[in-house]
Amino acid sequence: MWGELDEYSRQIQSKVLNEYRQFSSVLEILFKEQPENTIKTFQEEKKIILSVIQQEWNQHTYFRNCDQALSKAKEALNTQIALLKSVF
């Protein structure tokens, strides 16, 4: 499903990965004292987002095509934002 990335695309991927890692690090700090189910949901959604950014398959993520992968990543990010809103 994933194609080879050219140099420009790899640079974008690297930037998105770096920015998401920074964002998720902040969320991890904010969620530190939250109920276990909030932390678990955040971590599950994080796995989905990272697998799409890094274009990796694992036992938690399977996508039929790139459109589905993007859709699932958007859903996961929206879930994380909703968790953040529910906490603060």
PDB file of N, CA and C in Angstrom:
ATOM      1  N   MET A   1       0.818  -1.191   0.000  1.00  0.00           N
ATOM      2  CA  MET A   1       0.000   0.000   0.000  1.00  0.00           C
ATOM      3  C   MET A   1       0.864   1.257   0.000  1.00  0.00           C
ATOM      4  N   TRP A   2       1.887   1.273   0.839  1.00  0.00           N
ATOM      5  CA  TRP A   2       2.725   2.465   0.920  1.00  0.00           C
ATOM      6  C   TRP A   2       3.730   2.458  -0.223  1.00  0.00           C
ATOM      7  N   GLY A   3       3.892   3.610  -0.845  1.00  0.00           N
ATOM      8  CA  GLY A   3       4.882   3.740  -1.900  1.00  0.00           C
ATOM      9  C   GLY A   3       6.162   4.346  -1.353  1.00  0.00           C
ATOM     10  N   GLU A   4       7.198   4.247  -2.141  1.00  0.00           N
ATOM     11  CA  GLU A   4       8.463   4.863  -1.764  1.00  0.00           C
ATOM     12  C   GLU A   4       8.305   6.385  -1.766  1.00  0.00           C
ATOM     13  N   LEU A   5       8.883   7.034  -0.777  1.00  0.00           N
ATOM     14  CA  LEU A   5       8.820   8.483  -0.692  1.00  0.00           C
ATOM     15  C   LEU A   5      10.057   9.101  -1.327  1.00  0.00           C
ATOM     16  N   ASP A   6       9.854  10.171  -2.074  1.00  0.00           N
ATOM     17  CA  ASP A   6      11.004  10.900  -2.589  1.00  0.00           C
ATOM     18  C   ASP A   6      11.574  11.767  -1.464  1.00  0.00           C
ATOM     19  N   GLU A   7      12.672  12.440  -1.727  1.00  0.00           N
ATOM     20  CA  GLU A   7      13.354  13.231  -0.700  1.00  0.00           C
ATOM     21  C   GLU A   7      12.446  14.295  -0.092  1.00  0.00           C
ATOM     22  N   TYR A   8      11.708  15.001  -0.910  1.00  0.00           N
ATOM     23  CA  TYR A   8      10.805  16.047  -0.418  1.00  0.00           C
ATOM     24  C   TYR A   8       9.729  15.447   0.490  1.00  0.00           C
ATOM     25  N   SER A   9       9.172  14.335   0.066  1.00  0.00           N
ATOM     26  CA  SER A   9       8.126  13.673   0.856  1.00  0.00           C
ATOM     27  C   SER A   9       8.672  13.154   2.181  1.00  0.00           C
ATOM     28  N   ARG A  10       9.905  12.639   2.176  1.00  0.00           N
ATOM     29  CA  ARG A  10      10.527  12.182   3.424  1.00  0.00           C
ATOM     30  C   ARG A  10      10.751  13.354   4.382  1.00  0.00           C
ATOM     31  N   GLN A  11      11.089  14.513   3.839  1.00  0.00           N
ATOM     32  CA  GLN A  11      11.265  15.700   4.682  1.00  0.00           C
ATOM     33  C   GLN A  11       9.935  16.091   5.335  1.00  0.00           C
ATOM     34  N   ILE A  12       8.872  16.046   4.564  1.00  0.00           N
ATOM     35  CA  ILE A  12       7.542  16.358   5.113  1.00  0.00           C
ATOM     36  C   ILE A  12       7.170  15.323   6.176  1.00  0.00           C
ATOM     37  N   GLN A  13       7.388  14.059   5.876  1.00  0.00           N
ATOM     38  CA  GLN A  13       7.097  12.991   6.830  1.00  0.00           C
ATOM     39  C   GLN A  13       7.861  13.223   8.134  1.00  0.00           C
ATOM     40  N   SER A  14       9.123  13.566   8.023  1.00  0.00           N
ATOM     41  CA  SER A  14       9.947  13.809   9.197  1.00  0.00           C
ATOM     42  C   SER A  14       9.420  14.985  10.017  1.00  0.00           C
ATOM     43  N   LYS A  15       9.022  16.034   9.338  1.00  0.00           N
ATOM     44  CA  LYS A  15       8.475  17.212  10.023  1.00  0.00           C
ATOM     45  C   LYS A  15       7.162  16.872  10.738  1.00  0.00           C
ATOM     46  N   VAL A  16       6.273  16.170  10.060  1.00  0.00           N
ATOM     47  CA  VAL A  16       4.996  15.788  10.661  1.00  0.00           C
ATOM     48  C   VAL A  16       5.243  14.864  11.861  1.00  0.00           C
ATOM     49  N   LEU A  17       6.151  13.916  11.719  1.00  0.00           N
ATOM     50  CA  LEU A  17       6.466  13.006  12.809  1.00  0.00           C
ATOM     51  C   LEU A  17       7.008  13.771  14.018  1.00  0.00           C
ATOM     52  N   ASN A  18       7.916  14.678  13.788  1.00  0.00           N
ATOM     53  CA  ASN A  18       8.488  15.479  14.865  1.00  0.00           C
ATOM     54  C   ASN A  18       7.413  16.312  15.560  1.00  0.00           C
ATOM     55  N   GLU A  19       6.571  16.959  14.777  1.00  0.00           N
ATOM     56  CA  GLU A  19       5.524  17.794  15.359  1.00  0.00           C
ATOM     57  C   GLU A  19       4.499  16.964  16.124  1.00  0.00           C
ATOM     58  N   TYR A  20       4.140  15.788  15.608  1.00  0.00           N
ATOM     59  CA  TYR A  20       3.190  14.953  16.334  1.00  0.00           C
ATOM     60  C   TYR A  20       3.818  14.435  17.632  1.00  0.00           C
ATOM     61  N   ARG A  21       5.076  14.060  17.594  1.00  0.00           N
ATOM     62  CA  ARG A  21       5.735  13.588  18.820  1.00  0.00           C
ATOM     63  C   ARG A  21       5.748  14.684  19.895  1.00  0.00           C
ATOM     64  N   GLN A  22       5.995  15.908  19.488  1.00  0.00           N
ATOM     65  CA  GLN A  22       5.961  17.018  20.441  1.00  0.00           C
ATOM     66  C   GLN A  22       4.553  17.182  21.016  1.00  0.00           C
ATOM     67  N   PHE A  23       3.557  17.165  20.154  1.00  0.00           N
ATOM     68  CA  PHE A  23       2.161  17.287  20.573  1.00  0.00           C
ATOM     69  C   PHE A  23       1.781  16.161  21.534  1.00  0.00           C
ATOM     70  N   SER A  24       2.124  14.929  21.158  1.00  0.00           N
ATOM     71  CA  SER A  24       1.739  13.796  22.010  1.00  0.00           C
ATOM     72  C   SER A  24       2.497  13.804  23.330  1.00  0.00           C
ATOM     73  N   SER A  25       3.710  14.323  23.353  1.00  0.00           N
ATOM     74  CA  SER A  25       4.459  14.437  24.612  1.00  0.00           C
ATOM     75  C   SER A  25       3.759  15.389  25.576  1.00  0.00           C
ATOM     76  N   VAL A  26       3.245  16.483  25.052  1.00  0.00           N
ATOM     77  CA  VAL A  26       2.492  17.427  25.883  1.00  0.00           C
ATOM     78  C   VAL A  26       1.227  16.759  26.408  1.00  0.00           C
ATOM     79  N   LEU A  27       0.528  16.041  25.542  1.00  0.00           N
ATOM     80  CA  LEU A  27      -0.686  15.354  25.979  1.00  0.00           C
ATOM     81  C   LEU A  27      -0.387  14.311  27.052  1.00  0.00           C
ATOM     82  N   GLU A  28       0.705  13.589  26.900  1.00  0.00           N
ATOM     83  CA  GLU A  28       1.066  12.586  27.903  1.00  0.00           C
ATOM     84  C   GLU A  28       1.246  13.232  29.274  1.00  0.00           C
ATOM     85  N   ILE A  29       1.836  14.399  29.313  1.00  0.00           N
ATOM     86  CA  ILE A  29       2.002  15.121  30.579  1.00  0.00           C
ATOM     87  C   ILE A  29       0.642  15.542  31.124  1.00  0.00           C
ATOM     88  N   LEU A  30      -0.204  16.069  30.263  1.00  0.00           N
ATOM     89  CA  LEU A  30      -1.520  16.524  30.701  1.00  0.00           C
ATOM     90  C   LEU A  30      -2.416  15.377  31.163  1.00  0.00           C
ATOM     91  N   PHE A  31      -2.259  14.211  30.550  1.00  0.00           N
ATOM     92  CA  PHE A  31      -3.092  13.058  30.888  1.00  0.00           C
ATOM     93  C   PHE A  31      -2.520  12.219  32.036  1.00  0.00           C
ATOM     94  N   LYS A  32      -1.358  12.582  32.529  1.00  0.00           N
ATOM     95  CA  LYS A  32      -0.650  11.762  33.513  1.00  0.00           C
ATOM     96  C   LYS A  32      -1.508  11.352  34.711  1.00  0.00           C
ATOM     97  N   GLU A  33      -2.298  12.259  35.223  1.00  0.00           N
ATOM     98  CA  GLU A  33      -3.109  11.976  36.408  1.00  0.00           C
ATOM     99  C   GLU A  33      -4.567  11.629  36.080  1.00  0.00           C
ATOM    100  N   GLN A  34      -4.837  11.353  34.823  1.00  0.00           N
ATOM    101  CA  GLN A  34      -6.203  11.051  34.403  1.00  0.00           C
ATOM    102  C   GLN A  34      -6.524   9.575  34.610  1.00  0.00           C
ATOM    103  N   PRO A  35      -7.808   9.226  34.540  1.00  0.00           N
ATOM    104  CA  PRO A  35      -8.192   7.811  34.704  1.00  0.00           C
ATOM    105  C   PRO A  35      -7.503   6.911  33.670  1.00  0.00           C
ATOM    106  N   GLU A  36      -7.332   5.676  34.042  1.00  0.00           N
ATOM    107  CA  GLU A  36      -6.637   4.701  33.199  1.00  0.00           C
ATOM    108  C   GLU A  36      -7.267   4.586  31.803  1.00  0.00           C
ATOM    109  N   ASN A  37      -8.603   4.646  31.717  1.00  0.00           N
ATOM    110  CA  ASN A  37      -9.237   4.499  30.402  1.00  0.00           C
ATOM    111  C   ASN A  37      -8.893   5.676  29.485  1.00  0.00           C
ATOM    112  N   THR A  38      -8.713   6.868  30.039  1.00  0.00           N
ATOM    113  CA  THR A  38      -8.299   8.021  29.229  1.00  0.00           C
ATOM    114  C   THR A  38      -6.896   7.807  28.685  1.00  0.00           C
ATOM    115  N   ILE A  39      -6.008   7.364  29.543  1.00  0.00           N
ATOM    116  CA  ILE A  39      -4.617   7.124  29.132  1.00  0.00           C
ATOM    117  C   ILE A  39      -4.562   5.999  28.095  1.00  0.00           C
ATOM    118  N   LYS A  40      -5.325   4.942  28.326  1.00  0.00           N
ATOM    119  CA  LYS A  40      -5.339   3.811  27.387  1.00  0.00           C
ATOM    120  C   LYS A  40      -5.859   4.242  26.012  1.00  0.00           C
ATOM    121  N   THR A  41      -6.939   5.003  25.996  1.00  0.00           N
ATOM    122  CA  THR A  41      -7.491   5.481  24.731  1.00  0.00           C
ATOM    123  C   THR A  41      -6.481   6.360  24.012  1.00  0.00           C
ATOM    124  N   PHE A  42      -5.857   7.267  24.756  1.00  0.00           N
ATOM    125  CA  PHE A  42      -4.834   8.134  24.156  1.00  0.00           C
ATOM    126  C   PHE A  42      -3.723   7.293  23.523  1.00  0.00           C
ATOM    127  N   GLN A  43      -3.221   6.297  24.252  1.00  0.00           N
ATOM    128  CA  GLN A  43      -2.125   5.464  23.740  1.00  0.00           C
ATOM    129  C   GLN A  43      -2.535   4.659  22.502  1.00  0.00           C
ATOM    130  N   GLU A  44      -3.753   4.143  22.501  1.00  0.00           N
ATOM    131  CA  GLU A  44      -4.231   3.387  21.335  1.00  0.00           C
ATOM    132  C   GLU A  44      -4.316   4.283  20.101  1.00  0.00           C
ATOM    133  N   GLU A  45      -4.828   5.488  20.287  1.00  0.00           N
ATOM    134  CA  GLU A  45      -4.943   6.424  19.166  1.00  0.00           C
ATOM    135  C   GLU A  45      -3.561   6.876  18.702  1.00  0.00           C
ATOM    136  N   LYS A  46      -2.648   7.021  19.630  1.00  0.00           N
ATOM    137  CA  LYS A  46      -1.274   7.408  19.288  1.00  0.00           C
ATOM    138  C   LYS A  46      -0.626   6.357  18.380  1.00  0.00           C
ATOM    139  N   LYS A  47      -0.851   5.078  18.686  1.00  0.00           N
ATOM    140  CA  LYS A  47      -0.297   4.001  17.853  1.00  0.00           C
ATOM    141  C   LYS A  47      -0.799   4.102  16.417  1.00  0.00           C
ATOM    142  N   ILE A  48      -2.076   4.391  16.264  1.00  0.00           N
ATOM    143  CA  ILE A  48      -2.651   4.518  14.921  1.00  0.00           C
ATOM    144  C   ILE A  48      -2.003   5.678  14.175  1.00  0.00           C
ATOM    145  N   ILE A  49      -1.934   6.824  14.821  1.00  0.00           N
ATOM    146  CA  ILE A  49      -1.374   8.013  14.175  1.00  0.00           C
ATOM    147  C   ILE A  49       0.078   7.783  13.786  1.00  0.00           C
ATOM    148  N   LEU A  50       0.866   7.252  14.698  1.00  0.00           N
ATOM    149  CA  LEU A  50       2.281   7.011  14.391  1.00  0.00           C
ATOM    150  C   LEU A  50       2.458   5.985  13.274  1.00  0.00           C
ATOM    151  N   SER A  51       1.617   4.960  13.261  1.00  0.00           N
ATOM    152  CA  SER A  51       1.755   3.958  12.196  1.00  0.00           C
ATOM    153  C   SER A  51       1.454   4.552  10.826  1.00  0.00           C
ATOM    154  N   VAL A  52       0.529   5.488  10.766  1.00  0.00           N
ATOM    155  CA  VAL A  52       0.219   6.127   9.490  1.00  0.00           C
ATOM    156  C   VAL A  52       1.353   7.082   9.090  1.00  0.00           C
ATOM    157  N   ILE A  53       1.803   7.902  10.019  1.00  0.00           N
ATOM    158  CA  ILE A  53       2.884   8.840   9.692  1.00  0.00           C
ATOM    159  C   ILE A  53       4.125   8.080   9.245  1.00  0.00           C
ATOM    160  N   GLN A  54       4.462   7.020   9.973  1.00  0.00           N
ATOM    161  CA  GLN A  54       5.676   6.261   9.674  1.00  0.00           C
ATOM    162  C   GLN A  54       5.462   5.208   8.594  1.00  0.00           C
ATOM    163  N   GLN A  55       4.235   5.081   8.132  1.00  0.00           N
ATOM    164  CA  GLN A  55       3.874   4.116   7.100  1.00  0.00           C
ATOM    165  C   GLN A  55       4.273   2.702   7.506  1.00  0.00           C
ATOM    166  N   GLU A  56       3.833   2.318   8.688  1.00  0.00           N
ATOM    167  CA  GLU A  56       4.153   0.996   9.215  1.00  0.00           C
ATOM    168  C   GLU A  56       2.876   0.198   9.455  1.00  0.00           C
ATOM    169  N   TRP A  57       3.005  -1.091   9.355  1.00  0.00           N
ATOM    170  CA  TRP A  57       1.934  -2.012   9.722  1.00  0.00           C
ATOM    171  C   TRP A  57       2.289  -2.590  11.063  1.00  0.00           C
ATOM    172  N   ASN A  58       1.291  -2.866  11.884  1.00  0.00           N
ATOM    173  CA  ASN A  58       1.508  -3.625  13.104  1.00  0.00           C
ATOM    174  C   ASN A  58       0.212  -4.339  13.458  1.00  0.00           C
ATOM    175  N   GLN A  59       0.237  -5.067  14.563  1.00  0.00           N
ATOM    176  CA  GLN A  59      -0.939  -5.859  14.920  1.00  0.00           C
ATOM    177  C   GLN A  59      -2.134  -4.993  15.281  1.00  0.00           C
ATOM    178  N   HIS A  60      -1.931  -3.709  15.554  1.00  0.00           N
ATOM    179  CA  HIS A  60      -3.022  -2.822  15.942  1.00  0.00           C
ATOM    180  C   HIS A  60      -3.612  -2.056  14.760  1.00  0.00           C
ATOM    181  N   THR A  61      -2.902  -2.034  13.655  1.00  0.00           N
ATOM    182  CA  THR A  61      -3.361  -1.217  12.531  1.00  0.00           C
ATOM    183  C   THR A  61      -3.324  -2.012  11.238  1.00  0.00           C
ATOM    184  N   TYR A  62      -4.418  -1.997  10.556  1.00  0.00           N
ATOM    185  CA  TYR A  62      -4.493  -2.571   9.216  1.00  0.00           C
ATOM    186  C   TYR A  62      -5.405  -1.667   8.403  1.00  0.00           C
ATOM    187  N   PHE A  63      -4.913  -1.237   7.275  1.00  0.00           N
ATOM    188  CA  PHE A  63      -5.677  -0.344   6.416  1.00  0.00           C
ATOM    189  C   PHE A  63      -5.747  -0.954   5.022  1.00  0.00           C
ATOM    190  N   ARG A  64      -6.932  -0.867   4.414  1.00  0.00           N
ATOM    191  CA  ARG A  64      -7.115  -1.401   3.059  1.00  0.00           C
ATOM    192  C   ARG A  64      -6.396  -0.556   2.015  1.00  0.00           C
ATOM    193  N   ASN A  65      -6.336   0.766   2.275  1.00  0.00           N
ATOM    194  CA  ASN A  65      -5.719   1.668   1.306  1.00  0.00           C
ATOM    195  C   ASN A  65      -5.306   2.960   2.010  1.00  0.00           C
ATOM    196  N   CYS A  66      -4.682   3.846   1.284  1.00  0.00           N
ATOM    197  CA  CYS A  66      -4.190   5.103   1.867  1.00  0.00           C
ATOM    198  C   CYS A  66      -5.332   5.984   2.352  1.00  0.00           C
ATOM    199  N   ASP A  67      -6.441   5.991   1.647  1.00  0.00           N
ATOM    200  CA  ASP A  67      -7.583   6.803   2.085  1.00  0.00           C
ATOM    201  C   ASP A  67      -8.096   6.341   3.442  1.00  0.00           C
ATOM    202  N   GLN A  68      -8.180   5.035   3.635  1.00  0.00           N
ATOM    203  CA  GLN A  68      -8.630   4.524   4.921  1.00  0.00           C
ATOM    204  C   GLN A  68      -7.613   4.852   6.012  1.00  0.00           C
ATOM    205  N   ALA A  69      -6.334   4.745   5.708  1.00  0.00           N
ATOM    206  CA  ALA A  69      -5.294   5.080   6.688  1.00  0.00           C
ATOM    207  C   ALA A  69      -5.415   6.538   7.116  1.00  0.00           C
ATOM    208  N   LEU A  70      -5.582   7.433   6.154  1.00  0.00           N
ATOM    209  CA  LEU A  70      -5.725   8.851   6.475  1.00  0.00           C
ATOM    210  C   LEU A  70      -6.982   9.097   7.296  1.00  0.00           C
ATOM    211  N   SER A  71      -8.067   8.450   6.940  1.00  0.00           N
ATOM    212  CA  SER A  71      -9.316   8.593   7.675  1.00  0.00           C
ATOM    213  C   SER A  71      -9.162   8.133   9.125  1.00  0.00           C
ATOM    214  N   LYS A  72      -8.508   6.992   9.323  1.00  0.00           N
ATOM    215  CA  LYS A  72      -8.301   6.471  10.676  1.00  0.00           C
ATOM    216  C   LYS A  72      -7.378   7.384  11.482  1.00  0.00           C
ATOM    217  N   ALA A  73      -6.367   7.945  10.839  1.00  0.00           N
ATOM    218  CA  ALA A  73      -5.471   8.864  11.542  1.00  0.00           C
ATOM    219  C   ALA A  73      -6.213  10.130  11.962  1.00  0.00           C
ATOM    220  N   LYS A  74      -7.072  10.633  11.091  1.00  0.00           N
ATOM    221  CA  LYS A  74      -7.874  11.814  11.440  1.00  0.00           C
ATOM    222  C   LYS A  74      -8.809  11.501  12.608  1.00  0.00           C
ATOM    223  N   GLU A  75      -9.454  10.344  12.566  1.00  0.00           N
ATOM    224  CA  GLU A  75     -10.332   9.921  13.664  1.00  0.00           C
ATOM    225  C   GLU A  75      -9.555   9.841  14.973  1.00  0.00           C
ATOM    226  N   ALA A  76      -8.371   9.258  14.913  1.00  0.00           N
ATOM    227  CA  ALA A  76      -7.550   9.098  16.115  1.00  0.00           C
ATOM    228  C   ALA A  76      -7.149  10.456  16.680  1.00  0.00           C
ATOM    229  N   LEU A  77      -6.762  11.374  15.815  1.00  0.00           N
ATOM    230  CA  LEU A  77      -6.384  12.706  16.270  1.00  0.00           C
ATOM    231  C   LEU A  77      -7.590  13.429  16.860  1.00  0.00           C
ATOM    232  N   ASN A  78      -8.734  13.301  16.231  1.00  0.00           N
ATOM    233  CA  ASN A  78      -9.956  13.914  16.768  1.00  0.00           C
ATOM    234  C   ASN A  78     -10.329  13.323  18.124  1.00  0.00           C
ATOM    235  N   THR A  79     -10.103  12.038  18.290  1.00  0.00           N
ATOM    236  CA  THR A  79     -10.360  11.404  19.586  1.00  0.00           C
ATOM    237  C   THR A  79      -9.429  11.979  20.647  1.00  0.00           C
ATOM    238  N   GLN A  80      -8.164  12.157  20.310  1.00  0.00           N
ATOM    239  CA  GLN A  80      -7.225  12.739  21.270  1.00  0.00           C
ATOM    240  C   GLN A  80      -7.618  14.169  21.635  1.00  0.00           C
ATOM    241  N   ILE A  81      -8.052  14.930  20.675  1.00  0.00           N
ATOM    242  CA  ILE A  81      -8.498  16.305  20.952  1.00  0.00           C
ATOM    243  C   ILE A  81      -9.740  16.292  21.833  1.00  0.00           C
ATOM    244  N   ALA A  82     -10.661  15.368  21.568  1.00  0.00           N
ATOM    245  CA  ALA A  82     -11.855  15.251  22.411  1.00  0.00           C
ATOM    246  C   ALA A  82     -11.484  14.871  23.841  1.00  0.00           C
ATOM    247  N   LEU A  83     -10.516  13.981  24.008  1.00  0.00           N
ATOM    248  CA  LEU A  83     -10.044  13.636  25.354  1.00  0.00           C
ATOM    249  C   LEU A  83      -9.495  14.860  26.056  1.00  0.00           C
ATOM    250  N   LEU A  84      -8.723  15.632  25.332  1.00  0.00           N
ATOM    251  CA  LEU A  84      -8.143  16.858  25.906  1.00  0.00           C
ATOM    252  C   LEU A  84      -9.248  17.825  26.334  1.00  0.00           C
ATOM    253  N   LYS A  85     -10.245  17.996  25.483  1.00  0.00           N
ATOM    254  CA  LYS A  85     -11.363  18.893  25.818  1.00  0.00           C
ATOM    255  C   LYS A  85     -12.136  18.395  27.039  1.00  0.00           C
ATOM    256  N   SER A  86     -12.265  17.095  27.163  1.00  0.00           N
ATOM    257  CA  SER A  86     -13.025  16.555  28.296  1.00  0.00           C
ATOM    258  C   SER A  86     -12.279  16.727  29.620  1.00  0.00           C
ATOM    259  N   VAL A  87     -10.981  16.838  29.548  1.00  0.00           N
ATOM    260  CA  VAL A  87     -10.163  16.979  30.747  1.00  0.00           C
ATOM    261  C   VAL A  87     -10.085  18.438  31.185  1.00  0.00           C
ATOM    262  N   PHE A  88     -10.046  19.333  30.204  1.00  0.00           N
ATOM    263  CA  PHE A  88      -9.850  20.743  30.543  1.00  0.00           C
ATOM    264  C   PHE A  88     -11.016  21.558  30.072  1.00  0.00           C
TER     265      PHE A  88
END
